Amino acid sequence: MSNQEPNKTKLKLAIQKSGRLYEDSIRLLKECGIDVSNGMNKLKADATNFPLEVFFLRDDDIPQYVEDGVADIGFVGENVVFEKNKKVIITEKLGFGKCRLSIAIQRNESYSGVDYLAGKKIATSYPVILADYLSKNNIEAEIHEISGSVEIAPGIGLADAICDLVSSGSTLFMNGLKESEVILQSQAVLIKNELLDASKQQLLDRLIFRIESVKKAKNNKYILLNAPNNNLQQIISLLPGMKSPTVLPLAEAGWSSVHSVLNENEFWDIIEQLKAAGAQGILVIPIEKMII
């Protein structure tokens, strides 16, 4: 009798093997309760507690691997997805790796709008996205495709402008450039093969459920506070929570403990209103997972 377990369906995930998205991709998997070890820089690893196989690839190659079905899904920047233009489906925005693809010109130049680019030489590693942008704006310009160190192109006379990824803008500043036009906002996304079969789609749905729970937790805070009963209804009206706040009586007469969840974007404005309404002892606690 064989001791081997029957073959089980596994979801094959491609992530960046190094670079700006690698650590955040591994961190997201860990926050989803999925352990993956990439010891000795292996190019492939199995998760120990989820039916997942992870491939570590160059980010530029990930859309091709997913289109071909070598990988079922991938974590990759939107900028790469649009530039490679492969037949894949963007399934989920992951909330990390945020940046923008922008036009930058020399700091001493005066930018008058997109028409400034007419007839100019533009250096970029993203010729497909740039060409599409210029076409939509009816601008004819000369595109110089180069890989790496795009920002030095104007300084050495290779180009009049560049089109490159920008995060803080410090690299542009150090090379005498200024950001002039944002043509794409980008972040890491989950892409999938167009022909994913039903069993793998079920696994993907389970993974997306975990990812969405982690994302919701990051965007919300658990809040506990003490409220005077004479202002309780006003305070409750400020705290809708997921359904409604939890209210518990305190040992001290005339006071209640109120528990709720606040969205990060509304947090400080509501805290100020709560204090003005008489709330005391406000505690704010991070949420690890949030299931709705």
C-alpha atoms as a PDB file:
ATOM      1  CA  MET A   1       0.000   0.000   0.000  1.00  0.00           C
ATOM      2  CA  SER A   2       1.456   3.378  -1.008  1.00  0.00           C
ATOM      3  CA  ASN A   3       2.271   5.930   1.678  1.00  0.00           C
ATOM      4  CA  GLN A   4       2.044   8.803  -0.809  1.00  0.00           C
ATOM      5  CA  GLU A   5      -0.857  11.238  -0.462  1.00  0.00           C
ATOM      6  CA  PRO A   6      -3.044  11.718  -3.524  1.00  0.00           C
ATOM      7  CA  ASN A   7      -2.172  14.750  -5.630  1.00  0.00           C
ATOM      8  CA  LYS A   8      -3.979  17.841  -4.396  1.00  0.00           C
ATOM      9  CA  THR A   9      -4.793  20.937  -6.406  1.00  0.00           C
ATOM     10  CA  LYS A  10      -2.450  23.823  -5.660  1.00  0.00           C
ATOM     11  CA  LEU A  11      -2.693  27.434  -6.667  1.00  0.00           C
ATOM     12  CA  LYS A  12       0.505  28.653  -8.342  1.00  0.00           C
ATOM     13  CA  LEU A  13       1.455  32.215  -7.404  1.00  0.00           C
ATOM     14  CA  ALA A  14       4.207  34.297  -9.035  1.00  0.00           C
ATOM     15  CA  ILE A  15       5.790  37.116  -7.013  1.00  0.00           C
ATOM     16  CA  GLN A  16       8.819  39.337  -7.491  1.00  0.00           C
ATOM     17  CA  LYS A  17      12.015  37.527  -6.461  1.00  0.00           C
ATOM     18  CA  SER A  18      13.652  40.754  -5.267  1.00  0.00           C
ATOM     19  CA  GLY A  19      12.946  44.450  -5.320  1.00  0.00           C
ATOM     20  CA  ARG A  20      10.320  46.801  -3.947  1.00  0.00           C
ATOM     21  CA  LEU A  21       7.348  44.388  -4.041  1.00  0.00           C
ATOM     22  CA  TYR A  22       9.030  41.241  -2.686  1.00  0.00           C
ATOM     23  CA  GLU A  23       8.937  41.990   1.046  1.00  0.00           C
ATOM     24  CA  ASP A  24       5.393  43.364   0.968  1.00  0.00           C
ATOM     25  CA  SER A  25       4.193  40.314  -0.980  1.00  0.00           C
ATOM     26  CA  ILE A  26       5.684  37.914   1.569  1.00  0.00           C
ATOM     27  CA  ARG A  27       4.318  40.041   4.416  1.00  0.00           C
ATOM     28  CA  LEU A  28       0.808  39.948   2.925  1.00  0.00           C
ATOM     29  CA  LEU A  29       0.918  36.162   2.643  1.00  0.00           C
ATOM     30  CA  LYS A  30       2.041  35.933   6.270  1.00  0.00           C
ATOM     31  CA  GLU A  31      -0.759  38.261   7.392  1.00  0.00           C
ATOM     32  CA  CYS A  32      -3.129  35.933   5.529  1.00  0.00           C
ATOM     33  CA  GLY A  33      -1.838  33.054   7.669  1.00  0.00           C
ATOM     34  CA  ILE A  34       0.221  31.528   4.851  1.00  0.00           C
ATOM     35  CA  ASP A  35       3.823  30.536   5.592  1.00  0.00           C
ATOM     36  CA  VAL A  36       6.273  30.478   2.676  1.00  0.00           C
ATOM     37  CA  SER A  37      10.011  29.938   3.077  1.00  0.00           C
ATOM     38  CA  ASN A  38      12.374  31.143   0.358  1.00  0.00           C
ATOM     39  CA  GLY A  39      15.549  29.743   1.899  1.00  0.00           C
ATOM     40  CA  MET A  40      18.758  29.854  -0.147  1.00  0.00           C
ATOM     41  CA  ASN A  41      17.071  32.064  -2.767  1.00  0.00           C
ATOM     42  CA  LYS A  42      15.048  29.231  -4.239  1.00  0.00           C
ATOM     43  CA  LEU A  43      12.970  30.004  -7.327  1.00  0.00           C
ATOM     44  CA  LYS A  44      10.042  27.903  -6.095  1.00  0.00           C
ATOM     45  CA  ALA A  45       8.602  27.147  -2.660  1.00  0.00           C
ATOM     46  CA  ASP A  46       5.499  25.494  -1.204  1.00  0.00           C
ATOM     47  CA  ALA A  47       3.332  27.043   1.480  1.00  0.00           C
ATOM     48  CA  THR A  48       3.179  24.824   4.558  1.00  0.00           C
ATOM     49  CA  ASN A  49      -0.413  25.569   5.557  1.00  0.00           C
ATOM     50  CA  PHE A  50      -2.296  26.476   2.365  1.00  0.00           C
ATOM     51  CA  PRO A  51      -2.461  24.744  -1.048  1.00  0.00           C
ATOM     52  CA  LEU A  52      -0.157  27.297  -2.652  1.00  0.00           C
ATOM     53  CA  GLU A  53       3.055  27.045  -4.657  1.00  0.00           C
ATOM     54  CA  VAL A  54       5.075  30.243  -5.018  1.00  0.00           C
ATOM     55  CA  PHE A  55       7.377  31.100  -7.937  1.00  0.00           C
ATOM     56  CA  PHE A  56       9.961  33.870  -7.442  1.00  0.00           C
ATOM     57  CA  LEU A  57      10.408  35.691 -10.771  1.00  0.00           C
ATOM     58  CA  ARG A  58      11.454  38.971 -12.355  1.00  0.00           C
ATOM     59  CA  ASP A  59       8.482  41.306 -12.113  1.00  0.00           C
ATOM     60  CA  ASP A  60       8.540  41.982 -15.876  1.00  0.00           C
ATOM     61  CA  ASP A  61       8.066  38.249 -16.523  1.00  0.00           C
ATOM     62  CA  ILE A  62       5.100  37.707 -14.211  1.00  0.00           C
ATOM     63  CA  PRO A  63       2.281  38.731 -16.628  1.00  0.00           C
ATOM     64  CA  GLN A  64       3.685  36.381 -19.305  1.00  0.00           C
ATOM     65  CA  TYR A  65       3.879  33.455 -16.862  1.00  0.00           C
ATOM     66  CA  VAL A  66       0.282  34.073 -15.782  1.00  0.00           C
ATOM     67  CA  GLU A  67      -0.987  34.426 -19.354  1.00  0.00           C
ATOM     68  CA  ASP A  68       0.715  31.131 -20.289  1.00  0.00           C
ATOM     69  CA  GLY A  69      -0.725  29.336 -17.250  1.00  0.00           C
ATOM     70  CA  VAL A  70       2.703  28.489 -15.821  1.00  0.00           C
ATOM     71  CA  ALA A  71       1.488  30.511 -12.840  1.00  0.00           C
ATOM     72  CA  ASP A  72      -2.228  30.775 -12.056  1.00  0.00           C
ATOM     73  CA  ILE A  73      -1.985  34.154 -10.351  1.00  0.00           C
ATOM     74  CA  GLY A  74       0.601  36.850  -9.680  1.00  0.00           C
ATOM     75  CA  PHE A  75       1.336  39.818  -7.433  1.00  0.00           C
ATOM     76  CA  VAL A  76       2.714  42.569  -9.677  1.00  0.00           C
ATOM     77  CA  GLY A  77       2.605  46.329 -10.184  1.00  0.00           C
ATOM     78  CA  GLU A  78      -0.174  47.775 -12.348  1.00  0.00           C
ATOM     79  CA  ASN A  79       2.510  49.585 -14.323  1.00  0.00           C
ATOM     80  CA  VAL A  80       3.978  46.219 -15.388  1.00  0.00           C
ATOM     81  CA  VAL A  81       0.542  44.799 -16.236  1.00  0.00           C
ATOM     82  CA  PHE A  82      -0.299  47.722 -18.523  1.00  0.00           C
ATOM     83  CA  GLU A  83       3.150  47.862 -20.097  1.00  0.00           C
ATOM     84  CA  LYS A  84       3.310  44.133 -20.920  1.00  0.00           C
ATOM     85  CA  ASN A  85      -0.335  44.125 -22.085  1.00  0.00           C
ATOM     86  CA  LYS A  86      -0.808  40.377 -21.622  1.00  0.00           C
ATOM     87  CA  LYS A  87      -4.129  38.513 -21.482  1.00  0.00           C
ATOM     88  CA  VAL A  88      -4.590  38.481 -17.712  1.00  0.00           C
ATOM     89  CA  ILE A  89      -7.334  39.682 -15.388  1.00  0.00           C
ATOM     90  CA  ILE A  90      -6.740  42.169 -12.574  1.00  0.00           C
ATOM     91  CA  THR A  91      -8.662  40.631  -9.675  1.00  0.00           C
ATOM     92  CA  GLU A  92      -7.700  42.644  -6.598  1.00  0.00           C
ATOM     93  CA  LYS A  93      -5.788  45.797  -5.709  1.00  0.00           C
ATOM     94  CA  LEU A  94      -3.391  44.887  -2.899  1.00  0.00           C
ATOM     95  CA  GLY A  95      -2.800  48.298  -1.319  1.00  0.00           C
ATOM     96  CA  PHE A  96       1.010  48.306  -1.311  1.00  0.00           C
ATOM     97  CA  GLY A  97       3.750  49.277  -3.769  1.00  0.00           C
ATOM     98  CA  LYS A  98       2.005  52.556  -4.535  1.00  0.00           C
ATOM     99  CA  CYS A  99       3.794  54.841  -6.986  1.00  0.00           C
ATOM    100  CA  ARG A 100       3.076  56.823 -10.118  1.00  0.00           C
ATOM    101  CA  LEU A 101       4.377  56.866 -13.665  1.00  0.00           C
ATOM    102  CA  SER A 102       5.186  60.462 -14.509  1.00  0.00           C
ATOM    103  CA  ILE A 103       6.719  62.747 -17.082  1.00  0.00           C
ATOM    104  CA  ALA A 104       9.672  64.719 -15.715  1.00  0.00           C
ATOM    105  CA  ILE A 105      11.633  67.534 -17.327  1.00  0.00           C
ATOM    106  CA  GLN A 106      14.732  69.522 -16.396  1.00  0.00           C
ATOM    107  CA  ARG A 107      14.155  71.852 -13.448  1.00  0.00           C
ATOM    108  CA  ASN A 108      15.049  74.987 -15.360  1.00  0.00           C
ATOM    109  CA  GLU A 109      12.433  74.271 -18.025  1.00  0.00           C
ATOM    110  CA  SER A 110       8.946  75.796 -17.941  1.00  0.00           C
ATOM    111  CA  TYR A 111       6.187  73.210 -18.381  1.00  0.00           C
ATOM    112  CA  SER A 112       3.104  74.579 -20.119  1.00  0.00           C
ATOM    113  CA  GLY A 113       1.059  71.380 -20.290  1.00  0.00           C
ATOM    114  CA  VAL A 114       1.066  68.192 -22.321  1.00  0.00           C
ATOM    115  CA  ASP A 115       1.625  70.173 -25.545  1.00  0.00           C
ATOM    116  CA  TYR A 116       5.147  70.875 -24.243  1.00  0.00           C
ATOM    117  CA  LEU A 117       6.031  67.289 -25.186  1.00  0.00           C
ATOM    118  CA  ALA A 118       5.322  67.755 -28.900  1.00  0.00           C
ATOM    119  CA  GLY A 119       8.485  67.081 -30.888  1.00  0.00           C
ATOM    120  CA  LYS A 120      10.504  66.267 -27.771  1.00  0.00           C
ATOM    121  CA  LYS A 121      12.691  63.213 -27.136  1.00  0.00           C
ATOM    122  CA  ILE A 122      11.401  61.234 -24.146  1.00  0.00           C
ATOM    123  CA  ALA A 123      13.426  58.456 -22.486  1.00  0.00           C
ATOM    124  CA  THR A 124      11.499  55.697 -20.747  1.00  0.00           C
ATOM    125  CA  SER A 125      11.363  52.045 -19.724  1.00  0.00           C
ATOM    126  CA  TYR A 126       7.607  52.128 -20.400  1.00  0.00           C
ATOM    127  CA  PRO A 127       7.269  52.759 -24.147  1.00  0.00           C
ATOM    128  CA  VAL A 128       3.838  51.085 -24.470  1.00  0.00           C
ATOM    129  CA  ILE A 129       2.154  53.154 -21.746  1.00  0.00           C
ATOM    130  CA  LEU A 130       3.883  56.333 -22.902  1.00  0.00           C
ATOM    131  CA  ALA A 131       2.961  55.799 -26.566  1.00  0.00           C
ATOM    132  CA  ASP A 132      -0.672  55.205 -25.591  1.00  0.00           C
ATOM    133  CA  TYR A 133      -0.698  58.375 -23.474  1.00  0.00           C
ATOM    134  CA  LEU A 134       0.799  60.492 -26.251  1.00  0.00           C
ATOM    135  CA  SER A 135      -1.628  59.051 -28.800  1.00  0.00           C
ATOM    136  CA  LYS A 136      -4.658  59.826 -26.626  1.00  0.00           C
ATOM    137  CA  ASN A 137      -3.439  63.417 -26.312  1.00  0.00           C
ATOM    138  CA  ASN A 138      -2.618  63.733 -30.050  1.00  0.00           C
ATOM    139  CA  ILE A 139       1.039  64.444 -29.280  1.00  0.00           C
ATOM    140  CA  GLU A 140       3.846  63.362 -31.599  1.00  0.00           C
ATOM    141  CA  ALA A 141       7.121  62.834 -29.762  1.00  0.00           C
ATOM    142  CA  GLU A 142      10.197  60.640 -30.110  1.00  0.00           C
ATOM    143  CA  ILE A 143      10.350  57.778 -27.599  1.00  0.00           C
ATOM    144  CA  HIS A 144      13.763  56.433 -26.560  1.00  0.00           C
ATOM    145  CA  GLU A 145      13.378  53.070 -24.824  1.00  0.00           C
ATOM    146  CA  ILE A 146      16.108  52.460 -22.267  1.00  0.00           C
ATOM    147  CA  SER A 147      16.341  50.204 -19.223  1.00  0.00           C
ATOM    148  CA  GLY A 148      17.626  51.505 -15.922  1.00  0.00           C
ATOM    149  CA  SER A 149      18.970  54.943 -14.975  1.00  0.00           C
ATOM    150  CA  VAL A 150      16.345  56.716 -17.064  1.00  0.00           C
ATOM    151  CA  GLU A 151      16.725  59.860 -14.959  1.00  0.00           C
ATOM    152  CA  ILE A 152      20.229  60.624 -16.309  1.00  0.00           C
ATOM    153  CA  ALA A 153      19.025  60.837 -19.936  1.00  0.00           C
ATOM    154  CA  PRO A 154      18.319  64.614 -20.024  1.00  0.00           C
ATOM    155  CA  GLY A 155      21.600  65.431 -18.268  1.00  0.00           C
ATOM    156  CA  ILE A 156      23.684  63.622 -20.902  1.00  0.00           C
ATOM    157  CA  GLY A 157      21.729  65.012 -23.836  1.00  0.00           C
ATOM    158  CA  LEU A 158      19.927  61.775 -24.745  1.00  0.00           C
ATOM    159  CA  ALA A 159      16.442  63.154 -24.151  1.00  0.00           C
ATOM    160  CA  ASP A 160      14.488  66.299 -23.346  1.00  0.00           C
ATOM    161  CA  ALA A 161      12.254  64.552 -20.814  1.00  0.00           C
ATOM    162  CA  ILE A 162      11.741  61.184 -19.145  1.00  0.00           C
ATOM    163  CA  CYS A 163       8.774  58.992 -18.269  1.00  0.00           C
ATOM    164  CA  ASP A 164       9.541  56.933 -15.175  1.00  0.00           C
ATOM    165  CA  LEU A 165       8.191  55.625 -11.880  1.00  0.00           C
ATOM    166  CA  VAL A 166       8.133  58.170  -9.061  1.00  0.00           C
ATOM    167  CA  SER A 167       7.674  57.518  -5.366  1.00  0.00           C
ATOM    168  CA  SER A 168       9.161  60.287  -3.224  1.00  0.00           C
ATOM    169  CA  GLY A 169      10.644  62.313  -6.087  1.00  0.00           C
ATOM    170  CA  SER A 170      14.090  62.461  -4.457  1.00  0.00           C
ATOM    171  CA  THR A 171      15.814  60.704  -7.397  1.00  0.00           C
ATOM    172  CA  LEU A 172      14.390  63.276  -9.794  1.00  0.00           C
ATOM    173  CA  PHE A 173      15.562  66.123  -7.592  1.00  0.00           C
ATOM    174  CA  MET A 174      19.097  64.736  -7.355  1.00  0.00           C
ATOM    175  CA  ASN A 175      19.270  64.593 -11.152  1.00  0.00           C
ATOM    176  CA  GLY A 176      18.017  68.129 -11.719  1.00  0.00           C
ATOM    177  CA  LEU A 177      14.532  67.082 -12.812  1.00  0.00           C
ATOM    178  CA  LYS A 178      11.000  67.988 -11.774  1.00  0.00           C
ATOM    179  CA  GLU A 179       7.793  65.979 -12.050  1.00  0.00           C
ATOM    180  CA  SER A 180       5.484  67.601 -14.567  1.00  0.00           C
ATOM    181  CA  GLU A 181       2.702  65.205 -15.514  1.00  0.00           C
ATOM    182  CA  VAL A 182       1.328  62.048 -13.855  1.00  0.00           C
ATOM    183  CA  ILE A 183       0.150  59.580 -16.490  1.00  0.00           C
ATOM    184  CA  LEU A 184      -0.579  56.514 -14.325  1.00  0.00           C
ATOM    185  CA  GLN A 185      -1.245  55.828 -10.642  1.00  0.00           C
ATOM    186  CA  SER A 186       0.019  52.344  -9.798  1.00  0.00           C
ATOM    187  CA  GLN A 187       0.015  49.837  -6.954  1.00  0.00           C
ATOM    188  CA  ALA A 188       0.497  46.106  -6.566  1.00  0.00           C
ATOM    189  CA  VAL A 189      -2.401  44.036  -7.894  1.00  0.00           C
ATOM    190  CA  LEU A 190      -3.394  40.393  -7.997  1.00  0.00           C
ATOM    191  CA  ILE A 191      -3.694  39.120 -11.571  1.00  0.00           C
ATOM    192  CA  LYS A 192      -5.061  35.774 -12.699  1.00  0.00           C
ATOM    193  CA  ASN A 193      -5.056  33.571 -15.783  1.00  0.00           C
ATOM    194  CA  GLU A 194      -8.175  34.052 -17.931  1.00  0.00           C
ATOM    195  CA  LEU A 195      -8.829  30.285 -18.065  1.00  0.00           C
ATOM    196  CA  LEU A 196      -8.504  29.409 -14.376  1.00  0.00           C
ATOM    197  CA  ASP A 197     -10.393  26.177 -13.708  1.00  0.00           C
ATOM    198  CA  ALA A 198     -13.118  25.826 -11.081  1.00  0.00           C
ATOM    199  CA  SER A 199     -11.006  24.076  -8.434  1.00  0.00           C
ATOM    200  CA  LYS A 200      -8.286  26.719  -8.613  1.00  0.00           C
ATOM    201  CA  GLN A 201     -10.870  29.510  -8.663  1.00  0.00           C
ATOM    202  CA  GLN A 202     -12.185  28.141  -5.351  1.00  0.00           C
ATOM    203  CA  LEU A 203      -8.684  28.347  -3.888  1.00  0.00           C
ATOM    204  CA  LEU A 204      -8.289  31.866  -5.268  1.00  0.00           C
ATOM    205  CA  ASP A 205     -11.611  32.894  -3.689  1.00  0.00           C
ATOM    206  CA  ARG A 206     -10.319  31.623  -0.333  1.00  0.00           C
ATOM    207  CA  LEU A 207      -7.094  33.612  -0.767  1.00  0.00           C
ATOM    208  CA  ILE A 208      -8.957  36.787  -1.790  1.00  0.00           C
ATOM    209  CA  PHE A 209     -11.215  36.443   1.260  1.00  0.00           C
ATOM    210  CA  ARG A 210      -8.124  36.456   3.477  1.00  0.00           C
ATOM    211  CA  ILE A 211      -6.541  39.365   1.592  1.00  0.00           C
ATOM    212  CA  GLU A 212      -9.695  41.476   1.878  1.00  0.00           C
ATOM    213  CA  SER A 213      -9.904  40.721   5.610  1.00  0.00           C
ATOM    214  CA  VAL A 214      -6.321  41.930   6.087  1.00  0.00           C
ATOM    215  CA  LYS A 215      -6.927  45.065   4.009  1.00  0.00           C
ATOM    216  CA  LYS A 216     -10.088  45.960   5.940  1.00  0.00           C
ATOM    217  CA  ALA A 217      -8.225  45.543   9.214  1.00  0.00           C
ATOM    218  CA  LYS A 218      -5.475  47.925   8.100  1.00  0.00           C
ATOM    219  CA  ASN A 219      -8.026  50.586   7.157  1.00  0.00           C
ATOM    220  CA  ASN A 220      -9.877  50.433  10.482  1.00  0.00           C
ATOM    221  CA  LYS A 221      -9.189  50.828  14.204  1.00  0.00           C
ATOM    222  CA  TYR A 222     -10.984  49.329  17.197  1.00  0.00           C
ATOM    223  CA  ILE A 223     -11.996  52.047  19.644  1.00  0.00           C
ATOM    224  CA  LEU A 224     -13.098  51.825  23.297  1.00  0.00           C
ATOM    225  CA  LEU A 225     -14.237  54.824  25.325  1.00  0.00           C
ATOM    226  CA  ASN A 226     -16.163  55.850  28.423  1.00  0.00           C
ATOM    227  CA  ALA A 227     -19.265  57.956  27.761  1.00  0.00           C
ATOM    228  CA  PRO A 228     -21.511  59.915  30.132  1.00  0.00           C
ATOM    229  CA  ASN A 229     -25.035  58.538  29.801  1.00  0.00           C
ATOM    230  CA  ASN A 230     -26.532  61.985  29.376  1.00  0.00           C
ATOM    231  CA  ASN A 231     -24.544  62.348  26.104  1.00  0.00           C
ATOM    232  CA  LEU A 232     -24.639  58.668  25.119  1.00  0.00           C
ATOM    233  CA  GLN A 233     -26.938  59.025  22.121  1.00  0.00           C
ATOM    234  CA  GLN A 234     -24.865  61.874  20.677  1.00  0.00           C
ATOM    235  CA  ILE A 235     -21.677  59.820  21.056  1.00  0.00           C
ATOM    236  CA  ILE A 236     -23.312  56.721  19.530  1.00  0.00           C
ATOM    237  CA  SER A 237     -24.405  58.785  16.534  1.00  0.00           C
ATOM    238  CA  LEU A 238     -20.724  59.530  15.837  1.00  0.00           C
ATOM    239  CA  LEU A 239     -19.795  55.830  15.914  1.00  0.00           C
ATOM    240  CA  PRO A 240     -21.773  53.812  13.371  1.00  0.00           C
ATOM    241  CA  GLY A 241     -19.284  50.894  13.456  1.00  0.00           C
ATOM    242  CA  MET A 242     -19.936  47.850  11.278  1.00  0.00           C
ATOM    243  CA  LYS A 243     -23.593  47.744  12.397  1.00  0.00           C
ATOM    244  CA  SER A 244     -23.870  49.766  15.615  1.00  0.00           C
ATOM    245  CA  PRO A 245     -21.569  50.373  18.590  1.00  0.00           C
ATOM    246  CA  THR A 246     -21.520  47.996  21.555  1.00  0.00           C
ATOM    247  CA  VAL A 247     -22.634  49.732  24.770  1.00  0.00           C
ATOM    248  CA  LEU A 248     -21.973  48.240  28.224  1.00  0.00           C
ATOM    249  CA  PRO A 249     -22.771  49.815  31.636  1.00  0.00           C
ATOM    250  CA  LEU A 250     -19.817  50.749  33.830  1.00  0.00           C
ATOM    251  CA  ALA A 251     -19.649  50.104  37.567  1.00  0.00           C
ATOM    252  CA  GLU A 252     -19.774  53.857  38.109  1.00  0.00           C
ATOM    253  CA  ALA A 253     -23.356  55.093  37.806  1.00  0.00           C
ATOM    254  CA  GLY A 254     -24.126  57.402  34.908  1.00  0.00           C
ATOM    255  CA  TRP A 255     -21.387  56.063  32.624  1.00  0.00           C
ATOM    256  CA  SER A 256     -21.182  53.467  29.859  1.00  0.00           C
ATOM    257  CA  SER A 257     -18.371  51.790  27.923  1.00  0.00           C
ATOM    258  CA  VAL A 258     -18.718  52.132  24.146  1.00  0.00           C
ATOM    259  CA  HIS A 259     -16.894  49.863  21.662  1.00  0.00           C
ATOM    260  CA  SER A 260     -16.801  50.425  17.905  1.00  0.00           C
ATOM    261  CA  VAL A 261     -14.706  50.446  14.728  1.00  0.00           C
ATOM    262  CA  LEU A 262     -13.479  53.583  12.962  1.00  0.00           C
ATOM    263  CA  ASN A 263     -12.209  53.983   9.433  1.00  0.00           C
ATOM    264  CA  GLU A 264      -8.647  55.344   9.278  1.00  0.00           C
ATOM    265  CA  ASN A 265      -9.700  58.184   6.939  1.00  0.00           C
ATOM    266  CA  GLU A 266     -12.316  59.491   9.400  1.00  0.00           C
ATOM    267  CA  PHE A 267     -10.392  58.743  12.564  1.00  0.00           C
ATOM    268  CA  TRP A 268      -9.052  62.099  13.781  1.00  0.00           C
ATOM    269  CA  ASP A 269     -12.138  64.144  12.897  1.00  0.00           C
ATOM    270  CA  ILE A 270     -14.377  61.745  14.825  1.00  0.00           C
ATOM    271  CA  ILE A 271     -12.011  61.552  17.815  1.00  0.00           C
ATOM    272  CA  GLU A 272     -12.190  65.336  18.147  1.00  0.00           C
ATOM    273  CA  GLN A 273     -15.997  65.231  18.016  1.00  0.00           C
ATOM    274  CA  LEU A 274     -16.102  62.442  20.615  1.00  0.00           C
ATOM    275  CA  LYS A 275     -13.978  64.456  23.050  1.00  0.00           C
ATOM    276  CA  ALA A 276     -16.178  67.499  22.502  1.00  0.00           C
ATOM    277  CA  ALA A 277     -19.227  65.335  23.326  1.00  0.00           C
ATOM    278  CA  GLY A 278     -17.702  64.289  26.666  1.00  0.00           C
ATOM    279  CA  ALA A 279     -16.067  60.957  25.843  1.00  0.00           C
ATOM    280  CA  GLN A 280     -13.176  59.999  28.157  1.00  0.00           C
ATOM    281  CA  GLY A 281     -10.523  57.282  28.409  1.00  0.00           C
ATOM    282  CA  ILE A 282     -10.439  56.737  24.648  1.00  0.00           C
ATOM    283  CA  LEU A 283      -8.388  53.676  23.665  1.00  0.00           C
ATOM    284  CA  VAL A 284      -7.456  52.918  20.049  1.00  0.00           C
ATOM    285  CA  ILE A 285      -6.350  49.386  19.143  1.00  0.00           C
ATOM    286  CA  PRO A 286      -5.045  48.047  15.806  1.00  0.00           C
ATOM    287  CA  ILE A 287      -7.118  45.281  14.191  1.00  0.00           C
ATOM    288  CA  GLU A 288      -5.243  42.247  12.913  1.00  0.00           C
ATOM    289  CA  LYS A 289      -8.075  40.723  10.854  1.00  0.00           C
ATOM    290  CA  MET A 290     -11.564  41.981  10.066  1.00  0.00           C
ATOM    291  CA  ILE A 291     -14.270  39.578   8.867  1.00  0.00           C
ATOM    292  CA  ILE A 292     -17.581  41.069   7.759  1.00  0.00           C
END
